[in-house]
Protein backbone atom coordinates (compact mmCIF):
# COMPACT_ATOMS: atom_id res chain seq x y z
CA MET A 1 195.07 -61.48 105.57
CA ASN A 2 198.64 -60.40 104.89
CA LEU A 3 199.53 -62.05 101.61
CA ASP A 4 203.01 -60.61 101.21
CA GLN A 5 205.99 -60.24 103.46
CA ASP A 6 208.81 -57.72 103.74
CA VAL A 7 211.64 -59.41 105.58
CA ALA A 8 215.37 -59.70 105.53
CA PRO A 9 217.35 -60.88 102.48
CA PRO A 10 217.76 -64.62 101.83
CA GLY A 11 220.93 -64.83 103.87
CA ALA A 12 218.96 -64.07 107.02
CA ALA A 13 215.99 -66.33 106.28
CA LYS A 14 215.60 -69.63 108.07
CA ALA A 15 212.39 -70.75 106.37
CA ASP A 16 214.24 -72.86 103.84
CA ALA A 17 216.47 -74.73 106.31
CA ARG A 18 215.14 -78.25 105.79
CA PRO A 19 216.88 -81.61 105.62
CA ARG A 20 217.92 -82.44 102.08
CA ASN A 21 219.60 -85.21 100.20
CA PRO A 22 223.05 -83.84 99.33
CA ALA A 23 223.95 -86.81 97.15
CA ALA A 24 220.89 -86.47 94.95
CA LEU A 25 221.05 -82.69 94.61
CA ALA A 26 224.77 -82.04 94.71
CA PRO A 27 225.36 -78.70 92.97
CA PRO A 28 227.72 -78.49 90.04
CA PRO A 29 231.24 -77.29 90.83
CA PRO A 30 231.65 -73.50 90.93
CA LEU A 31 232.57 -71.52 87.87
CA HIS A 32 236.14 -70.42 87.35
CA GLU A 33 235.00 -66.79 87.36
CA PRO A 34 231.80 -65.09 88.54
CA LEU A 35 229.40 -64.41 85.70
CA PRO A 36 228.68 -60.79 84.79
CA SER A 37 225.19 -59.42 85.38
CA LEU A 38 222.78 -58.88 82.51
CA ASN A 39 222.44 -55.65 80.57
CA GLY A 40 219.31 -54.57 78.74
CA ARG A 41 220.55 -55.60 75.29
CA THR A 42 221.42 -59.13 76.38
CA THR A 43 218.11 -59.48 78.25
CA LEU A 44 216.27 -58.50 75.06
CA LEU A 45 218.26 -61.11 73.10
CA PHE A 46 217.24 -63.74 75.65
CA ALA A 47 213.59 -62.75 75.19
CA VAL A 48 213.71 -62.78 71.37
CA ALA A 49 215.60 -66.09 71.25
CA SER A 50 213.15 -67.68 73.70
CA GLY A 51 210.13 -66.44 71.76
CA LEU A 52 211.41 -67.77 68.43
CA ALA A 53 212.42 -71.13 69.90
CA VAL A 54 209.03 -71.79 71.44
CA ALA A 55 207.18 -70.52 68.34
CA ASN A 56 208.82 -73.33 66.37
CA ALA A 57 206.76 -75.81 68.37
CA TYR A 58 203.49 -73.94 67.73
CA PHE A 59 203.64 -73.02 64.04
CA ALA A 60 201.90 -76.23 62.98
CA HIS A 61 198.75 -75.72 65.08
CA PRO A 62 196.81 -73.61 62.53
CA LEU A 63 198.38 -75.35 59.51
CA LEU A 64 197.33 -78.96 60.00
CA ASP A 65 194.77 -78.92 57.21
CA VAL A 66 197.06 -77.41 54.56
CA MET A 67 199.97 -79.64 55.58
CA ALA A 68 197.72 -82.70 55.32
CA ASP A 69 196.39 -81.67 51.89
CA ASP A 70 199.87 -80.98 50.54
CA LEU A 71 201.30 -84.34 51.64
CA GLY A 72 198.12 -86.34 51.07
CA LEU A 73 197.72 -87.24 54.75
CA SER A 74 194.55 -88.31 56.46
CA ARG A 75 193.16 -86.07 59.17
CA THR A 76 194.14 -88.73 61.73
CA ILE A 77 197.80 -88.59 60.66
CA ALA A 78 197.64 -84.79 60.54
CA GLY A 79 196.54 -84.76 64.18
CA LEU A 80 199.72 -86.65 65.08
CA ILE A 81 201.84 -83.70 63.90
CA VAL A 82 201.03 -81.73 67.04
CA GLY A 83 201.28 -84.88 69.14
CA ALA A 84 204.77 -85.65 67.84
CA THR A 85 205.88 -82.09 68.62
CA GLN A 86 204.47 -82.24 72.14
CA LEU A 87 206.07 -85.64 72.74
CA GLY A 88 209.45 -84.28 71.66
CA TYR A 89 209.00 -81.22 73.85
CA GLY A 90 208.15 -83.33 76.89
CA LEU A 91 211.22 -85.51 76.39
CA GLY A 92 213.36 -82.41 75.97
CA LEU A 93 212.16 -81.00 79.28
CA LEU A 94 213.22 -84.16 81.08
CA LEU A 95 216.39 -85.04 79.18
CA LEU A 96 217.90 -81.78 77.86
CA VAL A 97 216.94 -78.84 80.09
CA PRO A 98 218.59 -80.25 83.27
CA LEU A 99 221.94 -80.40 81.45
CA GLY A 100 222.30 -76.66 82.02
CA ASP A 101 223.12 -77.41 85.67
CA LEU A 102 225.97 -79.66 84.54
CA LEU A 103 227.41 -78.21 81.31
CA ASP A 104 228.38 -74.83 79.86
CA ARG A 105 224.99 -73.24 79.23
CA ARG A 106 226.28 -71.05 76.41
CA LYS A 107 227.57 -74.01 74.38
CA LEU A 108 224.47 -76.05 75.18
CA ILE A 109 222.08 -73.32 74.05
CA VAL A 110 223.94 -72.53 70.84
CA GLY A 111 224.33 -76.24 70.02
CA GLN A 112 220.60 -76.89 70.44
CA SER A 113 219.80 -73.83 68.32
CA MET A 114 221.99 -75.04 65.47
CA LEU A 115 220.35 -78.47 65.58
CA SER A 116 216.97 -76.71 65.49
CA VAL A 117 217.99 -75.07 62.21
CA LEU A 118 218.54 -78.53 60.72
CA ALA A 119 215.27 -79.91 62.10
CA LEU A 120 213.27 -76.95 60.74
CA ALA A 121 214.85 -77.35 57.31
CA VAL A 122 213.91 -81.04 57.28
CA VAL A 123 210.30 -80.14 58.10
CA GLY A 124 210.33 -77.72 55.17
CA VAL A 125 211.47 -80.37 52.68
CA SER A 126 209.41 -83.27 54.07
CA GLN A 127 207.75 -85.44 51.44
CA SER A 128 206.23 -88.19 53.59
CA ALA A 129 204.36 -88.64 56.86
CA ALA A 130 207.27 -90.46 58.50
CA MET A 131 209.76 -87.76 57.52
CA LEU A 132 207.46 -84.98 58.70
CA LEU A 133 206.56 -86.59 62.03
CA GLY A 134 210.19 -87.40 62.83
CA ALA A 135 211.29 -83.86 62.02
CA MET A 136 208.44 -82.34 64.06
CA ALA A 137 209.40 -84.50 67.05
CA ALA A 138 212.97 -83.17 66.71
CA VAL A 139 211.68 -79.60 66.51
CA GLY A 140 209.74 -80.13 69.75
CA LEU A 141 212.72 -81.80 71.45
CA LEU A 142 215.03 -78.89 70.62
CA ALA A 143 212.45 -76.15 71.29
CA VAL A 144 213.07 -76.67 75.01
CA VAL A 145 216.13 -74.48 74.56
CA THR A 146 213.70 -71.70 75.45
CA GLN A 147 213.57 -73.02 79.03
CA ALA A 148 217.36 -73.23 79.18
CA LEU A 149 217.44 -69.57 78.15
CA VAL A 150 215.08 -68.59 81.01
CA ALA A 151 217.21 -70.44 83.56
CA TYR A 152 220.43 -68.94 82.19
CA ALA A 153 219.02 -65.42 82.27
CA ALA A 154 217.87 -65.97 85.87
CA SER A 155 221.35 -67.16 86.87
CA LEU A 156 222.96 -64.04 85.40
CA ALA A 157 220.55 -61.59 87.04
CA ARG A 158 221.14 -60.03 90.44
CA PRO A 159 218.82 -61.58 93.07
CA SER A 160 216.94 -58.32 93.54
CA GLU A 161 216.28 -58.12 89.77
CA ARG A 162 215.78 -61.81 88.99
CA GLY A 163 212.00 -61.65 88.86
CA HIS A 164 212.15 -58.62 86.57
CA VAL A 165 214.52 -60.39 84.17
CA VAL A 166 212.41 -63.56 84.23
CA GLY A 167 209.37 -61.41 83.45
CA ILE A 168 210.98 -59.94 80.34
CA VAL A 169 212.28 -63.26 79.01
CA THR A 170 209.04 -65.09 79.80
CA GLY A 171 207.19 -62.26 78.08
CA GLY A 172 209.14 -63.15 74.94
CA ILE A 173 208.05 -66.77 75.30
CA VAL A 174 204.36 -65.97 75.70
CA ILE A 175 204.46 -63.55 72.77
CA GLY A 176 206.22 -66.21 70.68
CA ILE A 177 203.48 -68.73 71.46
CA LEU A 178 200.67 -66.29 70.74
CA LEU A 179 202.13 -64.80 67.57
CA ALA A 180 203.12 -68.19 66.14
CA ARG A 181 199.55 -68.66 64.91
CA THR A 182 199.41 -65.17 63.38
CA VAL A 183 202.72 -65.45 61.55
CA ALA A 184 202.15 -69.02 60.40
CA GLY A 185 198.70 -68.21 59.05
CA ALA A 186 199.86 -65.08 57.22
CA LEU A 187 202.94 -66.73 55.62
CA THR A 188 200.90 -69.77 54.61
CA ASP A 189 198.27 -67.62 52.91
CA LEU A 190 201.07 -65.77 51.06
CA SER A 191 203.40 -68.56 49.92
CA GLY A 192 202.59 -71.91 51.51
CA TRP A 193 203.26 -73.68 54.79
CA ARG A 194 206.84 -74.69 53.96
CA THR A 195 207.85 -71.03 53.89
CA VAL A 196 207.05 -70.84 57.61
CA TYR A 197 209.73 -73.40 58.48
CA PHE A 198 212.35 -72.17 56.02
CA ALA A 199 211.97 -68.62 57.33
CA SER A 200 212.21 -69.81 60.93
CA ALA A 201 215.34 -71.85 60.11
CA ILE A 202 217.04 -68.72 58.77
CA LEU A 203 216.01 -66.62 61.78
CA THR A 204 217.07 -69.36 64.21
CA LEU A 205 220.51 -69.49 62.56
CA LEU A 206 220.90 -65.73 62.95
CA ILE A 207 219.82 -65.88 66.60
CA ALA A 208 222.27 -68.74 67.28
CA LEU A 209 225.14 -66.64 65.91
CA LEU A 210 224.10 -63.68 68.07
CA LEU A 211 223.87 -65.89 71.15
CA TRP A 212 227.37 -67.23 70.52
CA ALA A 213 228.71 -63.70 70.17
CA MET A 214 226.88 -62.07 73.09
CA LEU A 215 226.38 -64.65 75.83
CA PRO A 216 229.11 -64.78 78.48
CA ARG A 217 231.38 -67.80 78.61
CA GLN A 218 230.69 -70.28 81.39
CA GLU A 219 233.62 -72.60 81.97
CA ARG A 220 232.91 -75.25 84.58
CA ARG A 221 235.36 -77.48 86.38
CA PRO A 222 234.85 -81.23 85.87
CA ALA A 223 231.55 -82.21 87.54
CA SER A 224 231.06 -85.07 89.97
CA LEU A 225 227.29 -85.27 89.36
CA SER A 226 226.44 -87.94 86.77
CA TYR A 227 223.74 -87.47 84.14
CA GLY A 228 221.61 -90.21 85.70
CA ARG A 229 221.69 -88.59 89.14
CA LEU A 230 221.01 -85.22 87.53
CA ILE A 231 217.76 -86.49 85.97
CA ALA A 232 216.77 -88.41 89.12
CA SER A 233 217.16 -85.26 91.18
CA LEU A 234 214.12 -83.76 89.42
CA VAL A 235 211.92 -86.03 91.54
CA THR A 236 213.88 -85.11 94.66
CA LEU A 237 213.33 -81.41 93.98
CA VAL A 238 209.56 -81.88 93.67
CA VAL A 239 209.47 -83.89 96.90
CA GLU A 240 211.62 -81.50 98.94
CA GLU A 241 210.57 -78.06 97.66
CA PRO A 242 207.02 -76.99 98.61
CA VAL A 243 207.34 -73.85 96.47
CA LEU A 244 207.96 -76.00 93.40
CA ARG A 245 205.04 -78.29 94.19
CA ILE A 246 202.58 -75.47 94.89
CA ARG A 247 203.60 -73.29 91.97
CA GLY A 248 203.81 -76.32 89.70
CA VAL A 249 200.19 -77.24 90.39
CA ILE A 250 199.15 -73.63 89.81
CA ALA A 251 201.04 -73.70 86.49
CA MET A 252 199.30 -76.95 85.53
CA LEU A 253 195.90 -75.38 86.19
CA ILE A 254 196.50 -72.02 84.47
CA PHE A 255 197.88 -73.66 81.34
CA ALA A 256 194.97 -76.11 81.29
CA ASN A 257 192.86 -72.95 81.47
CA ILE A 258 194.49 -71.18 78.52
CA THR A 259 194.54 -74.25 76.27
CA THR A 260 190.87 -74.75 77.08
CA LEU A 261 190.46 -71.46 75.24
CA LEU A 262 192.98 -71.92 72.42
CA ALA A 263 192.30 -75.51 71.35
CA PRO A 264 188.66 -75.08 70.22
CA LEU A 265 188.88 -71.35 69.37
CA VAL A 266 189.15 -71.95 65.63
CA LEU A 267 185.84 -73.87 65.59
CA PRO A 268 183.37 -71.05 66.40
CA LEU A 269 185.43 -68.44 64.57
CA SER A 270 185.72 -70.38 61.31
CA ALA A 271 182.01 -71.25 61.30
CA PRO A 272 179.11 -68.91 60.45
CA PRO A 273 178.36 -66.15 61.28
CA PHE A 274 182.06 -65.23 61.58
CA SER A 275 183.65 -67.51 58.92
CA LEU A 276 187.13 -66.12 59.53
CA SER A 277 190.24 -67.19 57.58
CA HIS A 278 193.47 -68.64 59.06
CA THR A 279 195.06 -65.20 58.99
CA GLN A 280 192.11 -63.50 60.65
CA ILE A 281 191.90 -66.10 63.41
CA GLY A 282 195.64 -65.79 63.93
CA LEU A 283 195.20 -62.08 64.64
CA PHE A 284 193.67 -63.01 67.98
CA GLY A 285 197.22 -63.78 68.99
CA LEU A 286 197.92 -60.04 68.79
CA ALA A 287 195.30 -59.38 71.45
CA GLY A 288 196.83 -62.07 73.63
CA ALA A 289 200.32 -60.68 73.08
CA ALA A 290 199.16 -57.24 74.20
CA GLY A 291 197.78 -58.73 77.39
CA ALA A 292 200.97 -60.70 78.00
CA LEU A 293 203.15 -57.62 77.51
CA GLY A 294 201.12 -55.80 80.12
CA ALA A 295 202.05 -58.42 82.73
CA THR A 296 205.82 -58.47 82.25
CA ARG A 297 206.20 -56.32 85.37
CA ALA A 298 204.89 -59.17 87.52
CA GLY A 299 208.47 -60.28 88.13
CA ARG A 300 209.41 -56.88 89.53
CA TRP A 301 206.33 -56.95 91.75
CA THR A 302 207.48 -60.32 93.06
CA ASP A 303 210.98 -58.98 93.70
CA ARG A 304 209.34 -56.30 95.87
CA GLY A 305 207.44 -58.85 97.96
CA HIS A 306 204.05 -58.71 96.22
CA GLY A 307 204.09 -62.18 94.65
CA GLN A 308 201.07 -63.54 96.48
CA ARG A 309 199.02 -60.41 95.93
CA THR A 310 199.92 -60.46 92.22
CA THR A 311 198.91 -64.11 92.00
CA GLY A 312 195.53 -63.55 93.63
CA ILE A 313 194.62 -60.57 91.43
CA ALA A 314 195.79 -62.31 88.26
CA LEU A 315 193.85 -65.50 89.03
CA GLY A 316 190.77 -63.40 89.69
CA LEU A 317 191.16 -61.77 86.28
CA MET A 318 191.44 -65.16 84.60
CA LEU A 319 188.15 -66.16 86.20
CA LEU A 320 186.52 -62.89 85.14
CA ALA A 321 187.60 -63.39 81.52
CA TRP A 322 185.39 -66.43 80.97
CA PRO A 323 181.94 -64.84 81.45
CA VAL A 324 183.18 -62.01 79.22
CA MET A 325 184.18 -64.44 76.44
CA ALA A 326 180.89 -66.29 76.85
CA LEU A 327 179.25 -63.27 75.19
CA LEU A 328 180.85 -64.15 71.84
CA ASP A 329 177.42 -64.73 70.27
CA ARG A 330 176.60 -61.07 70.90
CA SER A 331 179.84 -59.56 69.58
CA ILE A 332 183.33 -60.71 68.70
CA LEU A 333 184.61 -57.71 70.70
CA TRP A 334 183.74 -59.56 73.91
CA LEU A 335 186.09 -62.35 72.88
CA ILE A 336 188.89 -59.88 72.15
CA ALA A 337 188.43 -58.27 75.57
CA GLY A 338 188.42 -61.67 77.27
CA VAL A 339 191.59 -62.76 75.47
CA LEU A 340 193.36 -59.61 76.66
CA ILE A 341 192.28 -60.22 80.24
CA ILE A 342 193.05 -63.93 80.41
CA ASP A 343 196.49 -63.58 78.82
CA PHE A 344 197.39 -60.77 81.20
CA GLY A 345 196.45 -63.00 84.13
CA LEU A 346 198.25 -66.02 82.71
CA GLN A 347 201.49 -64.16 82.14
CA ALA A 348 201.41 -62.49 85.56
CA VAL A 349 200.99 -65.82 87.37
CA HIS A 350 203.53 -67.64 85.18
CA VAL A 351 206.22 -65.00 85.78
CA THR A 352 205.46 -64.91 89.50
CA ASN A 353 205.70 -68.70 89.69
CA GLN A 354 209.16 -68.75 88.15
CA ALA A 355 210.43 -65.79 90.13
CA MET A 356 209.47 -67.66 93.31
CA ILE A 357 210.91 -71.07 92.46
CA TYR A 358 214.27 -69.66 91.32
CA ARG A 359 214.87 -68.38 94.87
CA VAL A 360 215.02 -71.75 96.58
CA ARG A 361 217.87 -73.56 94.80
CA PRO A 362 220.13 -71.17 92.84
CA GLU A 363 222.44 -74.07 91.95
CA ALA A 364 219.57 -76.05 90.37
CA GLN A 365 217.82 -73.49 88.20
CA ASN A 366 217.70 -75.64 85.07
CA ARG A 367 216.28 -78.58 87.00
CA LEU A 368 213.73 -76.34 88.72
CA THR A 369 212.71 -75.09 85.28
CA ALA A 370 212.43 -78.61 83.89
CA ALA A 371 210.33 -79.87 86.80
CA TYR A 372 208.08 -76.80 86.71
CA MET A 373 207.52 -77.10 82.95
CA VAL A 374 206.51 -80.75 83.29
CA PHE A 375 203.50 -79.46 85.25
CA TYR A 376 202.92 -76.96 82.44
CA SER A 377 202.97 -79.71 79.81
CA ILE A 378 200.49 -81.84 81.75
CA GLY A 379 198.14 -78.89 82.08
CA SER A 380 198.41 -77.90 78.41
CA ALA A 381 197.72 -81.43 77.20
CA THR A 382 194.77 -81.85 79.58
CA GLY A 383 193.17 -78.55 78.63
CA SER A 384 193.49 -79.26 74.91
CA SER A 385 191.87 -82.67 75.31
CA ILE A 386 188.91 -81.84 77.53
CA SER A 387 188.02 -78.54 75.84
CA THR A 388 187.35 -80.14 72.46
CA VAL A 389 185.05 -82.63 74.19
CA ALA A 390 183.28 -79.76 75.95
CA TYR A 391 182.79 -77.94 72.64
CA ALA A 392 181.45 -81.06 70.94
CA ARG A 393 178.87 -81.60 73.70
CA ALA A 394 177.90 -78.08 74.78
CA GLY A 395 179.35 -75.65 72.25
CA TRP A 396 181.11 -72.42 73.16
CA THR A 397 179.02 -72.06 76.33
CA GLY A 398 180.34 -75.42 77.54
CA VAL A 399 183.95 -74.35 76.86
CA CYS A 400 183.46 -71.15 78.85
CA ALA A 401 181.85 -73.03 81.74
CA LEU A 402 184.77 -75.46 81.79
CA GLY A 403 187.31 -72.61 81.73
CA ALA A 404 185.54 -70.80 84.56
CA ALA A 405 185.50 -74.00 86.64
CA ILE A 406 189.26 -74.46 86.16
CA SER A 407 189.85 -70.82 87.10
CA LEU A 408 187.77 -71.18 90.27
CA LEU A 409 189.63 -74.37 91.20
CA THR A 410 192.96 -72.57 90.76
CA LEU A 411 191.86 -69.70 93.01
CA LEU A 412 190.74 -72.13 95.70
CA PHE A 413 194.01 -74.07 95.52
CA TRP A 414 196.07 -70.86 95.75
CA THR A 415 194.06 -69.72 98.79
CA ALA A 416 194.49 -73.09 100.51
CA THR A 417 198.28 -73.03 100.04
CA LEU A 418 199.02 -69.48 101.21
CA LYS A 419 200.31 -70.59 104.61
CA ALA A 420 202.20 -73.56 103.16
CA THR A 421 204.32 -71.34 100.90
CA PRO A 422 207.72 -70.69 102.56
CA ALA A 423 208.47 -67.07 103.46
CA ALA A 424 211.73 -67.21 101.48
CA ALA A 425 209.71 -67.41 98.26
CA THR A 426 207.49 -64.41 98.97
CA MET A 427 209.67 -61.94 100.84
CA ARG A 428 210.96 -58.69 99.43
CA LEU A 429 214.47 -58.86 97.99
CA LYS A 430 216.73 -55.91 98.62
CA ALA A 431 219.59 -54.90 96.36
């Protein structure tokens, strides 16, 4: 089976010529001037800013017990800390990320970053459950700036390099998520959990100033598309774009897969015979980050027409990782190896997904990002929920069986949708 195609550039492709609803998806007016392409320094800034922004939403995961003890919260209330952050993040995906297709992305990104500084500082000084939960919801809401950064970077990149740029920036995001646990655990062991948020507020302020100084201006003419129609067009995009639907479902499944691993991971590692500390458990993020870094080239492979092949190999690796990690009772080294493998596969598929969907509607990149990440959020929440149940009923073996089943389901879905994926999303792009 030929999984990849090498055809003419997008201008010659007819695969995407389908009836659409112009009123619902009217593109924003053109810019006054064409935007300059990205250089390596600006691409790196995008990656660092994205990684820090998303880490803000994940710092609390390993700190729930110490935060609860410090504020005198019950374990039930402590569990709401992550829930409030996820709720804010979900609302941000729907309500804030699409604005990048309507407003000046530079001003929008810097404005959200500055508000994040305030939200992080409020978390650091919180003295009550209500204050903490409200501030954490705001942190989650504003952390979606990371998705606006991905869409902006994609819009600045040349079409033949878009997947490569998305790979680098998305690599920053995955590393931010994985290292959030490591950094939060280490800082908490050194000087308390509040230090985590104060330090992040300072770094976020510095990043916001750099973004203001380095990102190109983007002056738009007055737009005719209202905010209500902008948000409503997310549904229209999902209905009309098969690439978004297919890759969205794949994203939902792979992120359900990875959170099936991450959510209960602390339980076997903190119990005998391992009895690891917060800092030691957080170090597993380093293994995941190494795997994620290895897959940043997936975007370039997609640019060259190998997106489907990359997806198939990466999904196969994610499936392979689970029987490897099931050997945890024999040696912790098996878990480390499995984390490397599964994070490599996750990052490769995630980058490939985004590189494909950004081809279909260049004028709607922020909305494509928002719709795609809604699938991601559903998958992450589902994986976190069902994996803890699996661990409670069948231990680590049950978690690994569940993860393997999700991986197999993802492979089967990808195989079934090969012919349904438009050629415009998989073809080779020429400079």
